[in-house]
PDB file of N, CA and C in Angstrom:
ATOM      1  N   MET A   1    -100.297  32.429  71.980  1.00  0.00           N
ATOM      2  CA  MET A   1    -100.120  33.091  73.241  1.00  0.00           C
ATOM      3  C   MET A   1     -99.536  34.482  72.979  1.00  0.00           C
ATOM      4  N   ARG A   2    -100.020  35.462  73.734  1.00  0.00           N
ATOM      5  CA  ARG A   2     -99.557  36.836  73.597  1.00  0.00           C
ATOM      6  C   ARG A   2     -98.817  37.244  74.875  1.00  0.00           C
ATOM      7  N   HIS A   3     -97.658  37.863  74.724  1.00  0.00           N
ATOM      8  CA  HIS A   3     -96.899  38.374  75.859  1.00  0.00           C
ATOM      9  C   HIS A   3     -97.419  39.779  76.157  1.00  0.00           C
ATOM     10  N   THR A   4     -98.119  39.913  77.291  1.00  0.00           N
ATOM     11  CA  THR A   4     -98.680  41.211  77.661  1.00  0.00           C
ATOM     12  C   THR A   4     -98.012  41.742  78.919  1.00  0.00           C
ATOM     13  N   TRP A   5     -98.189  43.032  79.125  1.00  0.00           N
ATOM     14  CA  TRP A   5     -97.576  43.725  80.242  1.00  0.00           C
ATOM     15  C   TRP A   5     -98.631  44.625  80.863  1.00  0.00           C
ATOM     16  N   ARG A   6     -98.699  44.660  82.177  1.00  0.00           N
ATOM     17  CA  ARG A   6     -99.629  45.550  82.870  1.00  0.00           C
ATOM     18  C   ARG A   6     -99.129  46.974  82.715  1.00  0.00           C
ATOM     19  N   TRP A   7     -99.979  47.851  82.185  1.00  0.00           N
ATOM     20  CA  TRP A   7     -99.620  49.256  81.980  1.00  0.00           C
ATOM     21  C   TRP A   7    -100.693  50.111  82.623  1.00  0.00           C
ATOM     22  N   PHE A   8    -100.274  51.049  83.464  1.00  0.00           N
ATOM     23  CA  PHE A   8    -101.209  51.860  84.238  1.00  0.00           C
ATOM     24  C   PHE A   8    -101.559  53.182  83.561  1.00  0.00           C
ATOM     25  N   GLY A   9    -101.388  53.253  82.268  1.00  0.00           N
ATOM     26  CA  GLY A   9    -101.814  54.423  81.515  1.00  0.00           C
ATOM     27  C   GLY A   9    -100.740  55.474  81.368  1.00  0.00           C
ATOM     28  N   PRO A  10    -101.113  56.614  80.799  1.00  0.00           N
ATOM     29  CA  PRO A  10    -100.148  57.667  80.476  1.00  0.00           C
ATOM     30  C   PRO A  10     -99.326  58.167  81.664  1.00  0.00           C
ATOM     31  N   ASP A  11     -99.820  58.026  82.875  1.00  0.00           N
ATOM     32  CA  ASP A  11     -99.074  58.480  84.054  1.00  0.00           C
ATOM     33  C   ASP A  11     -98.131  57.420  84.602  1.00  0.00           C
ATOM     34  N   ASP A  12     -98.134  56.230  84.008  1.00  0.00           N
ATOM     35  CA  ASP A  12     -97.252  55.149  84.452  1.00  0.00           C
ATOM     36  C   ASP A  12     -95.807  55.520  84.120  1.00  0.00           C
ATOM     37  N   PRO A  13     -94.893  55.411  85.077  1.00  0.00           N
ATOM     38  CA  PRO A  13     -93.491  55.696  84.767  1.00  0.00           C
ATOM     39  C   PRO A  13     -92.888  54.716  83.764  1.00  0.00           C
ATOM     40  N   VAL A  14     -93.513  53.554  83.614  1.00  0.00           N
ATOM     41  CA  VAL A  14     -93.098  52.600  82.587  1.00  0.00           C
ATOM     42  C   VAL A  14     -93.853  52.986  81.318  1.00  0.00           C
ATOM     43  N   THR A  15     -93.133  53.435  80.307  1.00  0.00           N
ATOM     44  CA  THR A  15     -93.769  53.886  79.074  1.00  0.00           C
ATOM     45  C   THR A  15     -94.100  52.709  78.175  1.00  0.00           C
ATOM     46  N   LEU A  16     -94.910  52.973  77.175  1.00  0.00           N
ATOM     47  CA  LEU A  16     -95.214  51.929  76.196  1.00  0.00           C
ATOM     48  C   LEU A  16     -93.964  51.511  75.434  1.00  0.00           C
ATOM     49  N   ALA A  17     -93.034  52.435  75.237  1.00  0.00           N
ATOM     50  CA  ALA A  17     -91.761  52.085  74.601  1.00  0.00           C
ATOM     51  C   ALA A  17     -90.998  51.086  75.461  1.00  0.00           C
ATOM     52  N   HIS A  18     -91.034  51.271  76.779  1.00  0.00           N
ATOM     53  CA  HIS A  18     -90.390  50.318  77.688  1.00  0.00           C
ATOM     54  C   HIS A  18     -91.064  48.949  77.591  1.00  0.00           C
ATOM     55  N   VAL A  19     -92.380  48.958  77.497  1.00  0.00           N
ATOM     56  CA  VAL A  19     -93.127  47.703  77.403  1.00  0.00           C
ATOM     57  C   VAL A  19     -92.694  46.933  76.149  1.00  0.00           C
ATOM     58  N   ARG A  20     -92.603  47.646  75.040  1.00  0.00           N
ATOM     59  CA  ARG A  20     -92.137  46.999  73.792  1.00  0.00           C
ATOM     60  C   ARG A  20     -90.710  46.507  73.918  1.00  0.00           C
ATOM     61  N   GLN A  21     -89.868  47.331  74.542  1.00  0.00           N
ATOM     62  CA  GLN A  21     -88.461  46.954  74.704  1.00  0.00           C
ATOM     63  C   GLN A  21     -88.334  45.673  75.527  1.00  0.00           C
ATOM     64  N   ALA A  22     -89.245  45.467  76.464  1.00  0.00           N
ATOM     65  CA  ALA A  22     -89.227  44.261  77.291  1.00  0.00           C
ATOM     66  C   ALA A  22     -89.702  43.026  76.519  1.00  0.00           C
ATOM     67  N   GLY A  23     -90.191  43.229  75.306  1.00  0.00           N
ATOM     68  CA  GLY A  23     -90.596  42.111  74.476  1.00  0.00           C
ATOM     69  C   GLY A  23     -92.087  41.843  74.427  1.00  0.00           C
ATOM     70  N   ALA A  24     -92.865  42.660  75.100  1.00  0.00           N
ATOM     71  CA  ALA A  24     -94.308  42.458  75.090  1.00  0.00           C
ATOM     72  C   ALA A  24     -94.895  42.843  73.736  1.00  0.00           C
ATOM     73  N   THR A  25     -95.989  42.206  73.390  1.00  0.00           N
ATOM     74  CA  THR A  25     -96.712  42.546  72.168  1.00  0.00           C
ATOM     75  C   THR A  25     -98.059  43.185  72.462  1.00  0.00           C
ATOM     76  N   GLY A  26     -98.456  43.161  73.733  1.00  0.00           N
ATOM     77  CA  GLY A  26     -99.732  43.742  74.111  1.00  0.00           C
ATOM     78  C   GLY A  26     -99.701  44.272  75.523  1.00  0.00           C
ATOM     79  N   VAL A  27    -100.759  45.004  75.882  1.00  0.00           N
ATOM     80  CA  VAL A  27    -100.859  45.532  77.234  1.00  0.00           C
ATOM     81  C   VAL A  27    -102.184  45.135  77.874  1.00  0.00           C
ATOM     82  N   VAL A  28    -102.134  45.072  79.178  1.00  0.00           N
ATOM     83  CA  VAL A  28    -103.301  44.909  80.034  1.00  0.00           C
ATOM     84  C   VAL A  28    -103.449  46.257  80.720  1.00  0.00           C
ATOM     85  N   THR A  29    -104.531  46.956  80.437  1.00  0.00           N
ATOM     86  CA  THR A  29    -104.680  48.299  80.985  1.00  0.00           C
ATOM     87  C   THR A  29    -106.147  48.623  81.192  1.00  0.00           C
ATOM     88  N   ALA A  30    -106.406  49.830  81.666  1.00  0.00           N
ATOM     89  CA  ALA A  30    -107.766  50.295  81.928  1.00  0.00           C
ATOM     90  C   ALA A  30    -107.813  51.795  81.706  1.00  0.00           C
ATOM     91  N   LEU A  31    -108.988  52.344  81.850  1.00  0.00           N
ATOM     92  CA  LEU A  31    -109.152  53.793  81.812  1.00  0.00           C
ATOM     93  C   LEU A  31    -109.156  54.277  83.260  1.00  0.00           C
ATOM     94  N   HIS A  32    -107.973  54.405  83.814  1.00  0.00           N
ATOM     95  CA  HIS A  32    -107.825  54.709  85.236  1.00  0.00           C
ATOM     96  C   HIS A  32    -108.447  56.042  85.630  1.00  0.00           C
ATOM     97  N   HIS A  33    -108.507  56.964  84.705  1.00  0.00           N
ATOM     98  CA  HIS A  33    -109.099  58.267  85.005  1.00  0.00           C
ATOM     99  C   HIS A  33    -110.628  58.207  85.077  1.00  0.00           C
ATOM    100  N   LEU A  34    -111.215  57.079  84.725  1.00  0.00           N
ATOM    101  CA  LEU A  34    -112.666  56.894  84.811  1.00  0.00           C
ATOM    102  C   LEU A  34    -112.998  55.797  85.816  1.00  0.00           C
ATOM    103  N   ASN A  35    -112.269  55.746  86.887  1.00  0.00           N
ATOM    104  CA  ASN A  35    -112.370  54.677  87.867  1.00  0.00           C
ATOM    105  C   ASN A  35    -113.343  55.043  88.991  1.00  0.00           C
ATOM    106  N   ASP A  36    -114.546  55.483  88.594  1.00  0.00           N
ATOM    107  CA  ASP A  36    -115.506  55.914  89.606  1.00  0.00           C
ATOM    108  C   ASP A  36    -116.893  55.303  89.426  1.00  0.00           C
ATOM    109  N   GLY A  37    -116.990  54.288  88.573  1.00  0.00           N
ATOM    110  CA  GLY A  37    -118.263  53.596  88.417  1.00  0.00           C
ATOM    111  C   GLY A  37    -119.111  54.052  87.252  1.00  0.00           C
ATOM    112  N   ARG A  38    -118.707  55.101  86.548  1.00  0.00           N
ATOM    113  CA  ARG A  38    -119.489  55.532  85.377  1.00  0.00           C
ATOM    114  C   ARG A  38    -119.131  54.666  84.173  1.00  0.00           C
ATOM    115  N   ALA A  39    -120.007  54.656  83.182  1.00  0.00           N
ATOM    116  CA  ALA A  39    -119.760  53.886  81.962  1.00  0.00           C
ATOM    117  C   ALA A  39    -118.609  54.514  81.183  1.00  0.00           C
ATOM    118  N   TRP A  40    -117.788  53.669  80.606  1.00  0.00           N
ATOM    119  CA  TRP A  40    -116.679  54.141  79.779  1.00  0.00           C
ATOM    120  C   TRP A  40    -117.198  54.529  78.402  1.00  0.00           C
ATOM    121  N   PRO A  41    -117.005  55.779  78.006  1.00  0.00           N
ATOM    122  CA  PRO A  41    -117.435  56.199  76.669  1.00  0.00           C
ATOM    123  C   PRO A  41    -116.572  55.539  75.587  1.00  0.00           C
ATOM    124  N   ARG A  42    -117.178  55.195  74.482  1.00  0.00           N
ATOM    125  CA  ARG A  42    -116.437  54.570  73.376  1.00  0.00           C
ATOM    126  C   ARG A  42    -115.286  55.442  72.903  1.00  0.00           C
ATOM    127  N   GLU A  43    -115.486  56.759  72.939  1.00  0.00           N
ATOM    128  CA  GLU A  43    -114.418  57.668  72.490  1.00  0.00           C
ATOM    129  C   GLU A  43    -113.168  57.521  73.350  1.00  0.00           C
ATOM    130  N   GLU A  44    -113.352  57.365  74.650  1.00  0.00           N
ATOM    131  CA  GLU A  44    -112.216  57.205  75.564  1.00  0.00           C
ATOM    132  C   GLU A  44    -111.522  55.864  75.336  1.00  0.00           C
ATOM    133  N   ILE A  45    -112.317  54.834  75.088  1.00  0.00           N
ATOM    134  CA  ILE A  45    -111.747  53.511  74.804  1.00  0.00           C
ATOM    135  C   ILE A  45    -110.940  53.575  73.516  1.00  0.00           C
ATOM    136  N   GLU A  46    -111.502  54.184  72.506  1.00  0.00           N
ATOM    137  CA  GLU A  46    -110.804  54.298  71.218  1.00  0.00           C
ATOM    138  C   GLU A  46    -109.533  55.132  71.339  1.00  0.00           C
ATOM    139  N   ARG A  47    -109.571  56.184  72.145  1.00  0.00           N
ATOM    140  CA  ARG A  47    -108.385  57.023  72.353  1.00  0.00           C
ATOM    141  C   ARG A  47    -107.259  56.212  72.997  1.00  0.00           C
ATOM    142  N   ARG A  48    -107.590  55.419  74.019  1.00  0.00           N
ATOM    143  CA  ARG A  48    -106.580  54.591  74.678  1.00  0.00           C
ATOM    144  C   ARG A  48    -106.057  53.512  73.734  1.00  0.00           C
ATOM    145  N   ARG A  49    -106.975  52.892  73.002  1.00  0.00           N
ATOM    146  CA  ARG A  49    -106.553  51.851  72.062  1.00  0.00           C
ATOM    147  C   ARG A  49    -105.631  52.426  70.991  1.00  0.00           C
ATOM    148  N   ALA A  50    -105.949  53.601  70.484  1.00  0.00           N
ATOM    149  CA  ALA A  50    -105.108  54.243  69.472  1.00  0.00           C
ATOM    150  C   ALA A  50    -103.727  54.562  70.032  1.00  0.00           C
ATOM    151  N   GLU A  51    -103.672  54.989  71.295  1.00  0.00           N
ATOM    152  CA  GLU A  51    -102.386  55.275  71.943  1.00  0.00           C
ATOM    153  C   GLU A  51    -101.530  54.014  72.037  1.00  0.00           C
ATOM    154  N   VAL A  52    -102.150  52.924  72.427  1.00  0.00           N
ATOM    155  CA  VAL A  52    -101.444  51.649  72.549  1.00  0.00           C
ATOM    156  C   VAL A  52    -100.983  51.165  71.170  1.00  0.00           C
ATOM    157  N   GLU A  53    -101.857  51.240  70.191  1.00  0.00           N
ATOM    158  CA  GLU A  53    -101.514  50.773  68.849  1.00  0.00           C
ATOM    159  C   GLU A  53    -100.447  51.638  68.194  1.00  0.00           C
ATOM    160  N   ALA A  54    -100.435  52.931  68.499  1.00  0.00           N
ATOM    161  CA  ALA A  54     -99.398  53.818  67.952  1.00  0.00           C
ATOM    162  C   ALA A  54     -98.015  53.415  68.444  1.00  0.00           C
ATOM    163  N   ALA A  55     -97.969  52.741  69.593  1.00  0.00           N
ATOM    164  CA  ALA A  55     -96.701  52.263  70.144  1.00  0.00           C
ATOM    165  C   ALA A  55     -96.352  50.865  69.610  1.00  0.00           C
ATOM    166  N   GLY A  56     -97.184  50.347  68.708  1.00  0.00           N
ATOM    167  CA  GLY A  56     -96.908  49.032  68.130  1.00  0.00           C
ATOM    168  C   GLY A  56     -97.373  47.877  68.991  1.00  0.00           C
ATOM    169  N   LEU A  57     -98.313  48.139  69.883  1.00  0.00           N
ATOM    170  CA  LEU A  57     -98.820  47.116  70.795  1.00  0.00           C
ATOM    171  C   LEU A  57    -100.315  46.924  70.589  1.00  0.00           C
ATOM    172  N   VAL A  58    -100.865  45.921  71.258  1.00  0.00           N
ATOM    173  CA  VAL A  58    -102.290  45.632  71.201  1.00  0.00           C
ATOM    174  C   VAL A  58    -102.846  45.728  72.619  1.00  0.00           C
ATOM    175  N   TRP A  59    -103.986  46.386  72.757  1.00  0.00           N
ATOM    176  CA  TRP A  59    -104.691  46.396  74.046  1.00  0.00           C
ATOM    177  C   TRP A  59    -105.559  45.149  74.050  1.00  0.00           C
ATOM    178  N   SER A  60    -105.088  44.096  74.712  1.00  0.00           N
ATOM    179  CA  SER A  60    -105.769  42.812  74.621  1.00  0.00           C
ATOM    180  C   SER A  60    -106.587  42.439  75.854  1.00  0.00           C
ATOM    181  N   VAL A  61    -106.323  43.077  76.987  1.00  0.00           N
ATOM    182  CA  VAL A  61    -107.048  42.765  78.221  1.00  0.00           C
ATOM    183  C   VAL A  61    -107.363  44.059  78.958  1.00  0.00           C
ATOM    184  N   VAL A  62    -108.588  44.168  79.459  1.00  0.00           N
ATOM    185  CA  VAL A  62    -108.976  45.285  80.322  1.00  0.00           C
ATOM    186  C   VAL A  62    -108.883  44.821  81.765  1.00  0.00           C
ATOM    187  N   GLU A  63    -108.144  45.582  82.567  1.00  0.00           N
ATOM    188  CA  GLU A  63    -108.140  45.362  84.013  1.00  0.00           C
ATOM    189  C   GLU A  63    -108.025  46.711  84.684  1.00  0.00           C
ATOM    190  N   SER A  64    -108.969  47.132  85.313  1.00  0.00           N
ATOM    191  CA  SER A  64    -110.289  46.558  85.408  1.00  0.00           C
ATOM    192  C   SER A  64    -111.308  47.664  85.263  1.00  0.00           C
ATOM    193  N   ILE A  65    -112.481  47.288  84.775  1.00  0.00           N
ATOM    194  CA  ILE A  65    -113.630  48.190  84.857  1.00  0.00           C
ATOM    195  C   ILE A  65    -114.087  48.061  86.301  1.00  0.00           C
ATOM    196  N   ILE A  66    -114.100  49.154  87.001  1.00  0.00           N
ATOM    197  CA  ILE A  66    -114.356  49.078  88.444  1.00  0.00           C
ATOM    198  C   ILE A  66    -115.717  48.445  88.746  1.00  0.00           C
ATOM    199  N   VAL A  67    -115.712  47.553  89.709  1.00  0.00           N
ATOM    200  CA  VAL A  67    -116.944  47.048  90.306  1.00  0.00           C
ATOM    201  C   VAL A  67    -117.153  47.942  91.530  1.00  0.00           C
ATOM    202  N   HIS A  68    -118.009  48.944  91.371  1.00  0.00           N
ATOM    203  CA  HIS A  68    -118.184  49.984  92.380  1.00  0.00           C
ATOM    204  C   HIS A  68    -118.642  49.393  93.710  1.00  0.00           C
ATOM    205  N   GLU A  69    -118.249  50.041  94.793  1.00  0.00           N
ATOM    206  CA  GLU A  69    -118.634  49.578  96.136  1.00  0.00           C
ATOM    207  C   GLU A  69    -120.144  49.476  96.297  1.00  0.00           C
ATOM    208  N   GLU A  70    -120.909  50.337  95.630  1.00  0.00           N
ATOM    209  CA  GLU A  70    -122.367  50.267  95.739  1.00  0.00           C
ATOM    210  C   GLU A  70    -122.913  48.974  95.136  1.00  0.00           C
ATOM    211  N   ILE A  71    -122.212  48.410  94.162  1.00  0.00           N
ATOM    212  CA  ILE A  71    -122.608  47.104  93.621  1.00  0.00           C
ATOM    213  C   ILE A  71    -122.293  46.028  94.649  1.00  0.00           C
ATOM    214  N   LYS A  72    -121.087  46.079  95.203  1.00  0.00           N
ATOM    215  CA  LYS A  72    -120.645  45.049  96.148  1.00  0.00           C
ATOM    216  C   LYS A  72    -121.504  45.010  97.402  1.00  0.00           C
ATOM    217  N   THR A  73    -121.962  46.183  97.835  1.00  0.00           N
ATOM    218  CA  THR A  73    -122.731  46.264  99.078  1.00  0.00           C
ATOM    219  C   THR A  73    -124.232  46.401  98.833  1.00  0.00           C
ATOM    220  N   ARG A  74    -124.621  46.465  97.558  1.00  0.00           N
ATOM    221  CA  ARG A  74    -126.025  46.638  97.152  1.00  0.00           C
ATOM    222  C   ARG A  74    -126.672  47.796  97.907  1.00  0.00           C
ATOM    223  N   THR A  75    -125.998  48.931  97.827  1.00  0.00           N
ATOM    224  CA  THR A  75    -126.483  50.155  98.451  1.00  0.00           C
ATOM    225  C   THR A  75    -126.469  51.281  97.419  1.00  0.00           C
ATOM    226  N   GLY A  76    -127.059  52.415  97.777  1.00  0.00           N
ATOM    227  CA  GLY A  76    -127.014  53.589  96.908  1.00  0.00           C
ATOM    228  C   GLY A  76    -127.586  53.306  95.526  1.00  0.00           C
ATOM    229  N   ASP A  77    -126.888  53.752  94.508  1.00  0.00           N
ATOM    230  CA  ASP A  77    -127.321  53.588  93.117  1.00  0.00           C
ATOM    231  C   ASP A  77    -126.770  52.311  92.492  1.00  0.00           C
ATOM    232  N   TRP A  78    -126.829  51.206  93.230  1.00  0.00           N
ATOM    233  CA  TRP A  78    -126.201  49.967  92.763  1.00  0.00           C
ATOM    234  C   TRP A  78    -126.756  49.492  91.426  1.00  0.00           C
ATOM    235  N   ARG A  79    -128.033  49.681  91.181  1.00  0.00           N
ATOM    236  CA  ARG A  79    -128.625  49.228  89.920  1.00  0.00           C
ATOM    237  C   ARG A  79    -128.049  50.025  88.743  1.00  0.00           C
ATOM    238  N   GLU A  80    -127.931  51.343  88.891  1.00  0.00           N
ATOM    239  CA  GLU A  80    -127.324  52.182  87.840  1.00  0.00           C
ATOM    240  C   GLU A  80    -125.850  51.830  87.661  1.00  0.00           C
ATOM    241  N   ARG A  81    -125.156  51.516  88.743  1.00  0.00           N
ATOM    242  CA  ARG A  81    -123.740  51.120  88.646  1.00  0.00           C
ATOM    243  C   ARG A  81    -123.597  49.819  87.845  1.00  0.00           C
ATOM    244  N   ILE A  82    -124.514  48.883  88.042  1.00  0.00           N
ATOM    245  CA  ILE A  82    -124.485  47.641  87.261  1.00  0.00           C
ATOM    246  C   ILE A  82    -124.737  47.950  85.790  1.00  0.00           C
ATOM    247  N   ASP A  83    -125.707  48.794  85.512  1.00  0.00           N
ATOM    248  CA  ASP A  83    -125.994  49.168  84.126  1.00  0.00           C
ATOM    249  C   ASP A  83    -124.784  49.840  83.480  1.00  0.00           C
ATOM    250  N   ALA A  84    -124.096  50.709  84.225  1.00  0.00           N
ATOM    251  CA  ALA A  84    -122.894  51.375  83.701  1.00  0.00           C
ATOM    252  C   ALA A  84    -121.793  50.353  83.436  1.00  0.00           C
ATOM    253  N   TYR A  85    -121.633  49.392  84.332  1.00  0.00           N
ATOM    254  CA  TYR A  85    -120.638  48.335  84.142  1.00  0.00           C
ATOM    255  C   TYR A  85    -120.939  47.560  82.856  1.00  0.00           C
ATOM    256  N   CYS A  86    -122.196  47.198  82.666  1.00  0.00           N
ATOM    257  CA  CYS A  86    -122.586  46.456  81.462  1.00  0.00           C
ATOM    258  C   CYS A  86    -122.319  47.270  80.201  1.00  0.00           C
ATOM    259  N   ARG A  87    -122.619  48.568  80.232  1.00  0.00           N
ATOM    260  CA  ARG A  87    -122.343  49.420  79.068  1.00  0.00           C
ATOM    261  C   ARG A  87    -120.849  49.462  78.783  1.00  0.00           C
ATOM    262  N   SER A  88    -120.028  49.512  79.825  1.00  0.00           N
ATOM    263  CA  SER A  88    -118.570  49.522  79.641  1.00  0.00           C
ATOM    264  C   SER A  88    -118.091  48.214  79.020  1.00  0.00           C
ATOM    265  N   VAL A  89    -118.596  47.093  79.500  1.00  0.00           N
ATOM    266  CA  VAL A  89    -118.202  45.787  78.953  1.00  0.00           C
ATOM    267  C   VAL A  89    -118.587  45.700  77.480  1.00  0.00           C
ATOM    268  N   ARG A  90    -119.787  46.154  77.149  1.00  0.00           N
ATOM    269  CA  ARG A  90    -120.205  46.138  75.745  1.00  0.00           C
ATOM    270  C   ARG A  90    -119.312  47.038  74.893  1.00  0.00           C
ATOM    271  N   ALA A  91    -118.933  48.186  75.424  1.00  0.00           N
ATOM    272  CA  ALA A  91    -118.103  49.141  74.672  1.00  0.00           C
ATOM    273  C   ALA A  91    -116.702  48.590  74.422  1.00  0.00           C
ATOM    274  N   VAL A  92    -116.080  47.951  75.413  1.00  0.00           N
ATOM    275  CA  VAL A  92    -114.747  47.390  75.169  1.00  0.00           C
ATOM    276  C   VAL A  92    -114.844  46.195  74.222  1.00  0.00           C
ATOM    277  N   GLY A  93    -115.920  45.433  74.313  1.00  0.00           N
ATOM    278  CA  GLY A  93    -116.120  44.336  73.372  1.00  0.00           C
ATOM    279  C   GLY A  93    -116.266  44.852  71.951  1.00  0.00           C
ATOM    280  N   ALA A  94    -117.006  45.940  71.773  1.00  0.00           N
ATOM    281  CA  ALA A  94    -117.167  46.535  70.448  1.00  0.00           C
ATOM    282  C   ALA A  94    -115.837  47.050  69.909  1.00  0.00           C
ATOM    283  N   ALA A  95    -114.913  47.393  70.811  1.00  0.00           N
ATOM    284  CA  ALA A  95    -113.582  47.865  70.407  1.00  0.00           C
ATOM    285  C   ALA A  95    -112.631  46.707  70.137  1.00  0.00           C
ATOM    286  N   GLY A  96    -113.117  45.476  70.276  1.00  0.00           N
ATOM    287  CA  GLY A  96    -112.297  44.312  69.959  1.00  0.00           C
ATOM    288  C   GLY A  96    -111.515  43.742  71.126  1.00  0.00           C
ATOM    289  N   ILE A  97    -111.754  44.236  72.312  1.00  0.00           N
ATOM    290  CA  ILE A  97    -111.068  43.726  73.505  1.00  0.00           C
ATOM    291  C   ILE A  97    -111.953  42.631  74.091  1.00  0.00           C
ATOM    292  N   ARG A  98    -111.450  41.421  74.099  1.00  0.00           N
ATOM    293  CA  ARG A  98    -112.272  40.257  74.432  1.00  0.00           C
ATOM    294  C   ARG A  98    -112.090  39.726  75.851  1.00  0.00           C
ATOM    295  N   THR A  99    -111.138  40.254  76.600  1.00  0.00           N
ATOM    296  CA  THR A  99    -110.897  39.760  77.954  1.00  0.00           C
ATOM    297  C   THR A  99    -111.011  40.910  78.941  1.00  0.00           C
ATOM    298  N   VAL A 100    -111.851  40.730  79.951  1.00  0.00           N
ATOM    299  CA  VAL A 100    -112.023  41.724  81.012  1.00  0.00           C
ATOM    300  C   VAL A 100    -111.780  41.028  82.342  1.00  0.00           C
ATOM    301  N   CYS A 101    -110.787  41.493  83.074  1.00  0.00           N
ATOM    302  CA  CYS A 101    -110.536  41.016  84.433  1.00  0.00           C
ATOM    303  C   CYS A 101    -111.183  42.014  85.391  1.00  0.00           C
ATOM    304  N   TYR A 102    -111.521  41.570  86.563  1.00  0.00           N
ATOM    305  CA  TYR A 102    -112.095  42.493  87.526  1.00  0.00           C
ATOM    306  C   TYR A 102    -111.671  42.118  88.930  1.00  0.00           C
ATOM    307  N   ASN A 103    -111.825  43.070  89.818  1.00  0.00           N
ATOM    308  CA  ASN A 103    -111.482  42.904  91.216  1.00  0.00           C
ATOM    309  C   ASN A 103    -112.770  43.077  92.000  1.00  0.00           C
ATOM    310  N   PHE A 104    -113.201  42.056  92.700  1.00  0.00           N
ATOM    311  CA  PHE A 104    -114.472  42.112  93.412  1.00  0.00           C
ATOM    312  C   PHE A 104    -114.291  42.126  94.925  1.00  0.00           C
ATOM    313  N   MET A 105    -113.099  42.489  95.400  1.00  0.00           N
ATOM    314  CA  MET A 105    -112.889  42.543  96.849  1.00  0.00           C
ATOM    315  C   MET A 105    -113.655  43.726  97.428  1.00  0.00           C
ATOM    316  N   ALA A 106    -114.515  43.450  98.373  1.00  0.00           N
ATOM    317  CA  ALA A 106    -115.319  44.515  98.975  1.00  0.00           C
ATOM    318  C   ALA A 106    -114.481  45.406  99.870  1.00  0.00           C
ATOM    319  N   ILE A 107    -114.660  46.670  99.714  1.00  0.00           N
ATOM    320  CA  ILE A 107    -114.124  47.765 100.522  1.00  0.00           C
ATOM    321  C   ILE A 107    -112.593  47.820 100.550  1.00  0.00           C
ATOM    322  N   THR A 108    -111.918  46.723 100.855  1.00  0.00           N
ATOM    323  CA  THR A 108    -110.475  46.776 101.086  1.00  0.00           C
ATOM    324  C   THR A 108    -109.644  46.848  99.819  1.00  0.00           C
ATOM    325  N   ASP A 109    -110.149  46.341  98.715  1.00  0.00           N
ATOM    326  CA  ASP A 109    -109.425  46.309  97.453  1.00  0.00           C
ATOM    327  C   ASP A 109    -108.012  45.789  97.681  1.00  0.00           C
ATOM    328  N   TRP A 110    -106.982  46.511  97.267  1.00  0.00           N
ATOM    329  CA  TRP A 110    -105.614  46.015  97.371  1.00  0.00           C
ATOM    330  C   TRP A 110    -104.944  46.366  98.692  1.00  0.00           C
ATOM    331  N   THR A 111    -105.638  46.986  99.624  1.00  0.00           N
ATOM    332  CA  THR A 111    -104.993  47.357 100.882  1.00  0.00           C
ATOM    333  C   THR A 111    -104.570  46.139 101.690  1.00  0.00           C
ATOM    334  N   ARG A 112    -105.083  44.980 101.379  1.00  0.00           N
ATOM    335  CA  ARG A 112    -104.723  43.768 102.103  1.00  0.00           C
ATOM    336  C   ARG A 112    -103.340  43.266 101.715  1.00  0.00           C
ATOM    337  N   THR A 113    -102.767  43.794 100.635  1.00  0.00           N
ATOM    338  CA  THR A 113    -101.488  43.314 100.135  1.00  0.00           C
ATOM    339  C   THR A 113    -100.356  44.207 100.608  1.00  0.00           C
ATOM    340  N   ASP A 114     -99.324  43.624 101.182  1.00  0.00           N
ATOM    341  CA  ASP A 114     -98.139  44.376 101.578  1.00  0.00           C
ATOM    342  C   ASP A 114     -97.192  44.360 100.386  1.00  0.00           C
ATOM    343  N   LEU A 115     -97.192  45.435  99.625  1.00  0.00           N
ATOM    344  CA  LEU A 115     -96.400  45.475  98.394  1.00  0.00           C
ATOM    345  C   LEU A 115     -94.906  45.552  98.645  1.00  0.00           C
ATOM    346  N   ASP A 116     -94.497  45.881  99.866  1.00  0.00           N
ATOM    347  CA  ASP A 116     -93.067  45.979 100.183  1.00  0.00           C
ATOM    348  C   ASP A 116     -92.537  44.697 100.812  1.00  0.00           C
ATOM    349  N   TYR A 117     -93.373  43.664 100.972  1.00  0.00           N
ATOM    350  CA  TYR A 117     -92.950  42.449 101.654  1.00  0.00           C
ATOM    351  C   TYR A 117     -91.925  41.700 100.841  1.00  0.00           C
TER     352      TYR A 117
END
């Protein structure tokens, strides 16, 4: 079992050093700056993985490669969005990341959750 921590990338106020200090050995993260339905380039995946590994951690789970609204509603360029999603999954797999979580809530995403409750 691996102790992982959700990390929202370089702009997260919780640094990778904080994650290690908390006892985690890995992170669950994504390429948040590419959260628009395009395929994740291998170079970007490798850059993020290198950043995580430089902090002494492992990028063990991707959350999430966006499931674009056009896929959920089967509108617009939904077929190209599916192809881009598949390319992203293959690219993270090639980088050694074996677990991909995703959010398939149509339109509302996390707005249904009251985070201050």
